[in-house]
Amino acid sequence: MCRGYHRRSVEQWRHTREHITALFNVNRAPDTPVLHPIEVLPLPGDTAGPSTAPETPEDIEALWAALDERDALLFPSPSAATHG
């Protein structure tokens, strides 16, 4: 019951900060930077956003290799299975 109350409370605050952000951004001057909801009111579970470092092609290839390796362990191909 407490977790449900906490989750509902956080969602209500998330809703409120979205309204505040929208009101600010609609009424801001053209030279004023855009305000993001996380800047208005950080809440539990928020992340800082995407990393600022760009991904290199090598990073992407390493990620795909790791995912392929994981998939091979989770979903072995039928031809690799031994039939007894």
Protein backbone atom coordinates (compact mmCIF):
# COMPACT_ATOMS: atom_id res chain seq x y z
CA MET A 1 0.00 0.00 0.00
CA CYS A 2 2.83 2.41 0.81
CA ARG A 3 4.57 1.71 -2.51
CA GLY A 4 1.39 2.45 -4.42
CA TYR A 5 0.92 5.72 -2.55
CA HIS A 6 4.54 6.69 -3.21
CA ARG A 7 4.27 5.83 -6.91
CA ARG A 8 1.05 7.84 -7.25
CA SER A 9 2.61 10.77 -5.41
CA VAL A 10 5.67 10.74 -7.67
CA GLU A 11 3.46 10.59 -10.76
CA GLN A 12 1.46 13.58 -9.51
CA TRP A 13 4.65 15.57 -9.00
CA ARG A 14 5.86 14.47 -12.45
CA HIS A 15 2.60 15.78 -13.89
CA THR A 16 2.99 19.08 -12.01
CA ARG A 17 6.54 19.65 -13.20
CA GLU A 18 5.47 18.98 -16.80
CA HIS A 19 2.89 21.76 -16.48
CA ILE A 20 5.41 24.13 -14.92
CA THR A 21 7.91 23.37 -17.68
CA ALA A 22 5.33 23.90 -20.41
CA LEU A 23 4.23 27.23 -18.94
CA PHE A 24 7.81 28.42 -18.63
CA ASN A 25 8.82 27.35 -22.13
CA VAL A 26 5.75 28.91 -23.77
CA ASN A 27 6.43 32.25 -22.08
CA ARG A 28 10.22 32.35 -22.33
CA ALA A 29 12.15 34.88 -24.38
CA PRO A 30 13.67 33.64 -27.65
CA ASP A 31 17.19 33.95 -26.25
CA THR A 32 16.34 32.06 -23.02
CA PRO A 33 17.35 28.40 -23.05
CA VAL A 34 14.67 25.72 -22.98
CA LEU A 35 13.88 24.40 -19.52
CA HIS A 36 13.62 20.62 -19.04
CA PRO A 37 11.34 18.97 -16.46
CA ILE A 38 14.24 17.38 -14.58
CA GLU A 39 15.66 20.88 -14.02
CA VAL A 40 12.42 22.06 -12.42
CA LEU A 41 12.05 19.26 -9.90
CA PRO A 42 14.30 16.19 -9.83
CA LEU A 43 12.34 13.12 -8.75
CA PRO A 44 13.35 9.62 -7.66
CA GLY A 45 14.09 7.47 -10.68
CA ASP A 46 15.10 10.34 -12.92
CA THR A 47 18.22 9.94 -14.97
CA ALA A 48 20.58 12.66 -16.03
CA GLY A 49 19.70 12.00 -19.68
CA PRO A 50 21.79 10.67 -22.51
CA SER A 51 25.53 10.75 -22.18
CA THR A 52 27.25 13.70 -23.75
CA ALA A 53 30.02 11.59 -25.28
CA PRO A 54 29.15 10.52 -28.85
CA GLU A 55 29.29 6.82 -29.58
CA THR A 56 31.94 5.70 -32.01
CA PRO A 57 31.36 3.00 -34.63
CA GLU A 58 33.66 0.73 -32.59
CA ASP A 59 31.43 1.17 -29.53
CA ILE A 60 28.36 0.26 -31.55
CA GLU A 61 30.07 -2.82 -33.04
CA ALA A 62 31.13 -3.95 -29.55
CA LEU A 63 27.55 -3.54 -28.33
CA TRP A 64 26.19 -5.60 -31.25
CA ALA A 65 28.80 -8.31 -30.61
CA ALA A 66 27.83 -8.48 -26.94
CA LEU A 67 24.13 -8.68 -27.85
CA ASP A 68 24.78 -11.43 -30.43
CA GLU A 69 26.76 -13.38 -27.83
CA ARG A 70 23.95 -13.03 -25.30
CA ASP A 71 21.35 -14.07 -27.87
CA ALA A 72 23.39 -17.16 -28.78
CA LEU A 73 23.32 -18.21 -25.13
CA LEU A 74 19.63 -17.47 -24.65
CA PHE A 75 18.37 -18.76 -27.99
CA PRO A 76 20.60 -21.53 -29.33
CA SER A 77 20.04 -22.37 -32.98
CA PRO A 78 18.27 -25.69 -33.67
CA SER A 79 21.22 -26.94 -35.77
CA ALA A 80 23.59 -26.46 -32.82
CA ALA A 81 21.40 -28.54 -30.50
CA THR A 82 22.37 -32.17 -30.09
CA HIS A 83 19.67 -34.68 -30.80
CA GLY A 84 19.96 -37.86 -28.77
